[in-house]
N, C-alpha and C. Protein backbone atom coordinates (compact mmCIF):
# COMPACT_ATOMS: atom_id res chain seq x y z
N UNK A 1 106.72 89.12 71.62
CA UNK A 1 105.25 89.90 72.08
C UNK A 1 105.54 91.37 72.45
N UNK A 2 104.65 92.25 72.40
CA UNK A 2 104.64 93.46 72.71
C UNK A 2 103.92 93.65 74.12
N UNK A 3 104.59 94.42 75.12
CA UNK A 3 104.09 94.74 76.16
C UNK A 3 103.15 95.81 76.17
N UNK A 4 101.94 95.90 76.42
CA UNK A 4 101.20 97.06 76.20
C UNK A 4 101.47 98.24 77.00
N UNK A 5 102.24 98.18 78.06
CA UNK A 5 102.80 99.14 78.85
C UNK A 5 103.77 99.98 78.08
N UNK A 6 104.46 99.23 77.09
CA UNK A 6 105.45 100.11 76.32
C UNK A 6 104.68 101.06 75.30
N UNK A 7 103.41 100.92 75.12
CA UNK A 7 102.80 101.80 74.26
C UNK A 7 102.37 102.93 74.92
N UNK A 8 102.44 103.08 76.25
CA UNK A 8 102.25 104.31 76.97
C UNK A 8 103.44 105.11 77.17
N UNK A 9 103.21 106.47 76.99
CA UNK A 9 104.34 107.28 77.12
C UNK A 9 104.36 107.98 78.39
N UNK A 10 105.30 107.96 79.37
CA UNK A 10 105.27 108.22 80.63
C UNK A 10 105.10 109.82 80.73
N UNK A 11 105.57 110.60 79.81
CA UNK A 11 105.59 112.10 79.80
C UNK A 11 103.98 112.45 79.38
N UNK A 12 103.29 111.77 78.62
CA UNK A 12 101.95 111.96 78.44
C UNK A 12 101.03 111.68 79.36
N UNK A 13 101.53 110.51 80.02
CA UNK A 13 100.61 110.13 81.30
C UNK A 13 100.67 111.02 82.38
N UNK A 14 101.73 111.74 82.80
CA UNK A 14 101.96 112.62 83.73
C UNK A 14 101.16 114.07 83.20
N UNK A 15 101.25 114.36 81.96
CA UNK A 15 100.54 115.67 81.33
C UNK A 15 99.20 115.39 81.52
N UNK A 16 98.54 114.13 81.32
CA UNK A 16 97.20 113.95 81.39
C UNK A 16 96.62 114.13 82.85
N UNK A 17 97.52 113.65 83.61
CA UNK A 17 97.14 113.71 85.02
C UNK A 17 97.19 115.22 85.65
N UNK A 18 98.00 115.97 85.25
CA UNK A 18 98.04 117.46 85.50
C UNK A 18 96.94 117.98 84.88
N UNK A 19 96.55 117.92 83.61
CA UNK A 19 95.45 118.58 83.18
C UNK A 19 94.08 118.09 83.76
N UNK A 20 93.84 116.73 83.96
CA UNK A 20 92.65 116.47 84.96
C UNK A 20 92.76 116.93 86.20
N UNK A 21 93.70 116.97 87.03
CA UNK A 21 93.85 117.38 88.29
C UNK A 21 93.79 118.77 88.47
N UNK A 22 94.27 119.59 87.62
CA UNK A 22 94.57 121.03 87.91
C UNK A 22 94.03 121.76 86.50
N UNK A 23 92.90 121.62 86.15
CA UNK A 23 92.63 122.33 84.79
C UNK A 23 92.77 123.77 84.67
N UNK A 24 92.64 124.57 85.74
CA UNK A 24 93.12 125.92 85.92
C UNK A 24 94.37 126.43 86.46
N UNK A 25 95.21 125.28 86.44
CA UNK A 25 96.61 125.68 86.87
C UNK A 25 96.75 124.89 88.20
N UNK A 26 98.03 124.64 88.50
CA UNK A 26 98.38 123.86 89.98
C UNK A 26 98.01 124.63 90.97
N UNK A 27 97.40 123.94 91.99
CA UNK A 27 97.14 124.54 93.31
C UNK A 27 97.58 123.55 94.50
N UNK A 28 97.90 123.95 95.56
CA UNK A 28 98.52 123.20 96.58
C UNK A 28 97.44 122.33 97.16
N UNK A 29 97.57 121.30 97.41
CA UNK A 29 96.53 120.24 97.91
C UNK A 29 96.29 120.53 99.39
N UNK A 30 97.28 121.04 100.11
CA UNK A 30 97.16 121.31 101.47
C UNK A 30 96.20 122.63 101.75
N UNK A 31 96.69 123.72 101.22
CA UNK A 31 95.86 124.96 101.40
C UNK A 31 95.11 125.58 100.18
N UNK A 32 95.11 124.93 99.07
CA UNK A 32 94.48 125.34 97.92
C UNK A 32 95.12 126.59 97.32
N UNK A 33 96.23 127.15 97.73
CA UNK A 33 96.72 128.34 97.34
C UNK A 33 97.16 128.11 95.82
N UNK A 34 97.05 128.91 94.85
CA UNK A 34 97.59 129.02 93.41
C UNK A 34 98.96 129.67 93.47
N UNK A 35 99.60 130.11 94.45
CA UNK A 35 100.88 130.53 94.48
C UNK A 35 101.96 129.36 94.75
N UNK A 36 102.05 128.59 93.62
CA UNK A 36 103.08 127.51 93.62
C UNK A 36 104.12 127.62 92.60
N UNK A 37 105.17 127.15 93.03
CA UNK A 37 106.28 126.99 91.97
C UNK A 37 106.76 125.59 91.56
N UNK A 38 107.41 125.52 90.46
CA UNK A 38 107.97 124.04 90.27
C UNK A 38 109.30 123.99 91.03
N UNK A 39 109.54 122.78 91.43
CA UNK A 39 110.69 122.65 92.43
C UNK A 39 111.43 121.37 91.98
N UNK A 40 111.65 121.21 90.86
CA UNK A 40 112.61 120.01 90.32
C UNK A 40 111.63 118.82 90.00
N UNK A 41 112.34 117.75 89.75
CA UNK A 41 111.63 116.59 89.25
C UNK A 41 112.01 115.38 90.11
N UNK A 42 111.21 114.28 89.96
CA UNK A 42 111.58 113.24 90.82
C UNK A 42 112.84 112.59 90.26
N UNK A 43 113.67 111.87 91.34
CA UNK A 43 114.85 111.18 90.80
C UNK A 43 114.49 109.91 90.07
N UNK A 44 113.59 109.15 90.41
CA UNK A 44 113.16 107.87 89.85
C UNK A 44 112.28 108.11 88.45
N UNK A 45 111.27 109.16 88.74
CA UNK A 45 110.32 109.11 87.51
C UNK A 45 110.60 110.57 87.12
N UNK A 46 111.47 110.84 86.05
CA UNK A 46 111.81 112.22 85.50
C UNK A 46 110.57 113.08 85.11
N UNK A 47 109.57 112.58 84.55
CA UNK A 47 108.44 113.10 84.06
C UNK A 47 107.47 113.63 85.32
N UNK A 48 107.80 113.29 86.54
CA UNK A 48 106.93 113.53 87.52
C UNK A 48 107.35 114.88 88.30
N UNK A 49 106.75 115.93 88.04
CA UNK A 49 106.94 117.29 88.43
C UNK A 49 106.88 117.48 90.05
N UNK A 50 107.86 118.27 90.67
CA UNK A 50 107.70 118.42 92.08
C UNK A 50 107.44 119.98 92.17
N UNK A 51 106.65 120.58 93.15
CA UNK A 51 106.17 121.75 93.39
C UNK A 51 106.34 122.25 94.71
N UNK A 52 106.43 123.44 94.97
CA UNK A 52 106.54 123.92 96.52
C UNK A 52 105.46 125.18 96.59
N UNK A 53 104.50 125.16 97.60
CA UNK A 53 103.67 125.96 97.75
C UNK A 53 104.21 127.26 98.41
N UNK A 54 104.03 128.54 97.96
CA UNK A 54 104.41 129.71 98.79
C UNK A 54 103.52 130.24 99.83
N UNK A 55 102.47 129.60 99.79
CA UNK A 55 101.47 129.86 100.93
C UNK A 55 101.82 129.18 102.42
N UNK A 56 101.77 127.85 102.09
CA UNK A 56 102.06 127.03 103.38
C UNK A 56 103.54 126.35 103.34
N UNK A 57 104.23 126.49 102.40
CA UNK A 57 105.60 125.96 102.15
C UNK A 57 105.52 124.54 102.01
N UNK A 58 104.51 123.86 101.79
CA UNK A 58 104.42 122.53 101.54
C UNK A 58 105.12 122.08 100.24
N UNK A 59 105.71 121.03 100.13
CA UNK A 59 106.43 120.24 98.85
C UNK A 59 105.22 119.23 98.46
N UNK A 60 105.08 119.12 97.21
CA UNK A 60 104.35 118.06 96.71
C UNK A 60 104.78 117.82 95.15
N UNK A 61 103.98 116.83 94.71
CA UNK A 61 104.32 116.43 93.31
C UNK A 61 102.97 116.17 92.59
N UNK A 62 103.11 115.76 91.31
CA UNK A 62 101.88 115.44 90.48
C UNK A 62 100.98 114.45 91.22
N UNK A 63 101.46 113.56 91.95
CA UNK A 63 100.67 112.39 92.51
C UNK A 63 100.07 112.70 94.00
N UNK A 64 100.84 113.62 94.45
CA UNK A 64 100.58 113.77 96.07
C UNK A 64 98.89 113.87 96.25
N UNK A 65 98.44 113.13 97.12
CA UNK A 65 97.24 112.94 97.57
C UNK A 65 96.13 112.39 96.54
N UNK A 66 96.72 111.53 95.60
CA UNK A 66 95.92 110.76 94.60
C UNK A 66 95.72 109.47 94.88
N UNK A 67 95.00 108.53 94.23
CA UNK A 67 95.19 107.13 94.38
C UNK A 67 96.38 106.61 93.79
N UNK A 68 97.24 107.43 93.07
CA UNK A 68 98.37 106.76 92.46
C UNK A 68 99.67 106.95 93.35
N UNK A 69 99.41 107.80 94.33
CA UNK A 69 100.57 108.01 95.17
C UNK A 69 100.97 106.84 96.20
N UNK A 70 102.02 106.70 96.56
CA UNK A 70 102.70 105.70 97.38
C UNK A 70 102.73 104.22 96.82
N UNK A 71 102.84 104.22 95.59
CA UNK A 71 102.81 102.73 94.92
C UNK A 71 103.98 102.64 94.16
N UNK A 72 104.67 101.42 93.99
CA UNK A 72 105.75 101.13 93.45
C UNK A 72 105.39 100.98 91.76
N UNK A 73 104.20 100.76 91.45
CA UNK A 73 103.94 100.68 89.91
C UNK A 73 103.83 102.12 89.24
N UNK A 74 104.50 102.17 88.16
CA UNK A 74 104.77 103.34 87.54
C UNK A 74 103.38 103.86 87.07
N UNK A 75 103.05 105.15 86.65
CA UNK A 75 101.93 105.88 86.53
C UNK A 75 101.22 105.13 85.13
N UNK A 76 102.25 104.76 84.14
CA UNK A 76 101.84 104.14 82.95
C UNK A 76 101.16 102.81 82.97
N UNK A 77 101.55 102.01 84.22
CA UNK A 77 100.87 100.75 84.58
C UNK A 77 99.49 101.25 84.96
N UNK A 78 99.27 102.30 85.96
CA UNK A 78 97.96 102.46 86.30
C UNK A 78 96.97 102.91 85.25
N UNK A 79 97.65 103.78 84.13
CA UNK A 79 96.76 104.30 83.06
C UNK A 79 96.45 103.01 82.22
N UNK A 80 97.30 102.23 81.98
CA UNK A 80 97.21 101.07 81.22
C UNK A 80 96.09 100.18 81.89
N UNK A 81 96.20 100.03 83.30
CA UNK A 81 95.07 99.07 83.93
C UNK A 81 93.76 99.81 83.69
N UNK A 82 93.63 101.12 83.87
CA UNK A 82 92.44 101.83 83.64
C UNK A 82 91.86 101.60 82.28
N UNK A 83 92.54 101.70 81.27
CA UNK A 83 92.37 101.43 79.82
C UNK A 83 91.60 100.09 79.73
N UNK A 84 92.40 99.10 80.27
CA UNK A 84 92.08 97.68 80.21
C UNK A 84 90.77 97.36 80.92
N UNK A 85 90.65 98.10 81.94
CA UNK A 85 89.23 98.12 82.78
C UNK A 85 88.10 98.52 81.90
N UNK A 86 88.36 99.68 81.06
CA UNK A 86 87.51 100.06 80.33
C UNK A 86 87.16 99.22 79.02
N UNK A 87 88.02 98.40 78.74
CA UNK A 87 87.58 97.37 77.74
C UNK A 87 86.95 96.12 78.42
N UNK A 88 86.69 96.25 79.61
CA UNK A 88 85.85 95.31 80.32
C UNK A 88 86.69 93.84 80.38
N UNK A 89 88.12 94.02 80.40
CA UNK A 89 88.67 92.79 80.74
C UNK A 89 88.84 92.23 82.12
N UNK A 90 88.82 90.90 82.27
CA UNK A 90 88.83 90.50 83.67
C UNK A 90 90.19 90.72 84.35
N UNK A 91 90.12 90.79 85.69
CA UNK A 91 91.36 90.96 86.45
C UNK A 91 92.47 90.02 86.01
N UNK A 92 92.09 88.88 85.68
CA UNK A 92 93.18 87.91 85.44
C UNK A 92 93.77 88.01 83.92
N UNK A 93 92.85 88.62 83.13
CA UNK A 93 93.47 89.07 81.68
C UNK A 93 94.45 90.30 81.90
N UNK A 94 94.06 91.16 82.83
CA UNK A 94 94.73 92.49 82.87
C UNK A 94 96.18 92.05 83.48
N UNK A 95 96.03 91.20 84.58
CA UNK A 95 97.31 90.56 85.03
C UNK A 95 98.30 89.88 84.24
N UNK A 96 97.71 89.34 83.20
CA UNK A 96 98.44 88.71 82.30
C UNK A 96 98.98 89.66 81.22
N UNK A 97 98.16 90.56 80.90
CA UNK A 97 98.68 91.53 79.72
C UNK A 97 99.69 92.52 80.21
N UNK A 98 99.36 92.99 81.47
CA UNK A 98 100.49 93.90 82.34
C UNK A 98 101.61 93.31 82.79
N UNK A 99 101.53 91.89 82.81
CA UNK A 99 102.65 91.19 83.54
C UNK A 99 102.93 91.66 84.99
N UNK A 100 101.92 91.74 85.74
CA UNK A 100 102.06 92.11 87.37
C UNK A 100 101.64 91.23 88.19
N UNK A 101 101.84 91.18 89.28
CA UNK A 101 101.57 90.30 90.46
C UNK A 101 100.08 90.43 90.89
N UNK A 102 99.47 89.27 91.04
CA UNK A 102 98.04 89.38 91.25
C UNK A 102 97.62 90.18 92.53
N UNK A 103 98.38 90.14 93.32
CA UNK A 103 98.10 90.89 94.60
C UNK A 103 98.22 92.18 94.48
N UNK A 104 99.38 92.75 93.66
CA UNK A 104 99.24 94.05 93.02
C UNK A 104 98.15 94.48 92.43
N UNK A 105 97.61 93.73 91.58
CA UNK A 105 96.47 94.15 90.81
C UNK A 105 95.23 94.08 91.53
N UNK A 106 95.12 93.39 92.56
CA UNK A 106 93.96 93.49 93.46
C UNK A 106 93.95 94.66 94.23
N UNK A 107 94.96 95.27 94.59
CA UNK A 107 95.13 96.62 95.32
C UNK A 107 94.73 97.59 94.43
N UNK A 108 95.40 97.53 93.10
CA UNK A 108 95.07 98.63 92.14
C UNK A 108 93.65 98.53 91.86
N UNK A 109 93.02 97.47 91.51
CA UNK A 109 91.62 97.52 91.16
C UNK A 109 90.82 98.10 92.19
N UNK A 110 91.20 97.70 93.58
CA UNK A 110 90.30 98.24 94.64
C UNK A 110 90.37 99.93 94.74
N UNK A 111 91.52 100.24 94.56
CA UNK A 111 91.77 101.81 94.67
C UNK A 111 91.31 102.47 93.35
N UNK A 112 91.44 101.92 92.26
CA UNK A 112 90.81 102.54 91.21
C UNK A 112 89.21 102.63 91.16
N UNK A 113 88.60 101.60 91.78
CA UNK A 113 87.23 101.35 91.88
C UNK A 113 86.78 102.59 92.91
N UNK A 114 87.43 102.69 93.96
CA UNK A 114 87.23 103.51 95.01
C UNK A 114 87.20 104.98 94.50
N UNK A 115 88.38 105.29 93.75
CA UNK A 115 88.43 106.55 93.31
C UNK A 115 87.43 107.03 92.29
N UNK A 116 86.93 105.94 91.45
CA UNK A 116 85.86 106.34 90.48
C UNK A 116 84.60 106.66 91.47
N UNK A 117 84.28 105.77 92.53
CA UNK A 117 83.03 106.10 93.08
C UNK A 117 83.22 107.44 93.98
N UNK A 118 84.32 107.77 94.51
CA UNK A 118 84.44 109.03 95.06
C UNK A 118 84.23 110.20 94.22
N UNK A 119 84.64 110.14 93.01
CA UNK A 119 84.46 111.37 92.08
C UNK A 119 82.95 111.19 91.56
N UNK A 120 82.16 110.37 91.70
CA UNK A 120 80.87 110.20 91.13
C UNK A 120 79.94 111.29 91.76
N UNK A 121 79.33 112.16 90.87
CA UNK A 121 78.46 113.10 91.58
C UNK A 121 77.20 112.40 92.26
N UNK A 122 76.69 113.26 93.27
CA UNK A 122 75.73 112.72 94.12
C UNK A 122 74.24 112.49 93.28
N UNK A 123 73.66 111.52 93.54
CA UNK A 123 72.40 111.37 92.87
C UNK A 123 71.20 112.42 93.33
N UNK A 124 70.53 113.10 92.63
CA UNK A 124 69.54 113.90 93.11
C UNK A 124 68.27 113.63 92.32
N UNK A 125 67.26 113.03 93.31
CA UNK A 125 66.03 112.80 92.65
C UNK A 125 65.00 113.83 92.49
N UNK A 126 64.25 113.89 91.41
CA UNK A 126 63.40 114.94 91.35
C UNK A 126 61.87 114.55 90.75
N UNK A 127 61.00 114.97 90.94
CA UNK A 127 59.78 114.72 90.61
C UNK A 127 59.16 113.45 91.32
N UNK A 128 58.37 112.83 90.71
CA UNK A 128 57.56 111.57 91.33
C UNK A 128 58.52 110.22 91.04
N UNK A 129 58.40 109.33 91.87
CA UNK A 129 59.01 108.26 91.93
C UNK A 129 58.25 107.27 92.88
N UNK A 130 58.49 105.93 92.45
CA UNK A 130 57.78 104.92 93.38
C UNK A 130 58.79 103.96 93.88
N UNK A 131 58.52 103.42 95.08
CA UNK A 131 59.34 102.49 95.50
C UNK A 131 58.41 101.36 96.07
N UNK A 132 58.95 99.93 95.94
CA UNK A 132 58.14 98.96 96.27
C UNK A 132 58.81 98.47 97.64
N UNK A 133 58.50 97.30 98.20
CA UNK A 133 58.71 96.97 99.42
C UNK A 133 60.25 96.32 99.37
N UNK A 134 60.70 95.84 98.28
CA UNK A 134 62.09 95.49 98.14
C UNK A 134 63.07 96.68 98.47
């Protein structure tokens, strides 16, 4: 049987995160400076780029200050989870497909949903509208 995670390429996952996070080039998550240099790679995940800010001298990487940071699941697992969520699979189906622990899956789904909610633009009502007592 083929594990769906094997179909996701680590390098492409990190490249997609970089492109979505920094469409105009890497900026420091601390001070928003664009004076950033590459500073090696992660020891355990070779496609995870490290950076150093020339403005505030903070070191960070592709996942710093994201919902993906600080977890032991590889990025490709998170991307696969998002993909399967988009296919409207149940949590149990996703757990079985990705062969992950139910508790880990529960944490992942909460963080993914929260991340989606936080990025949703605010709703602005215009014109006339009606409300009932409910």
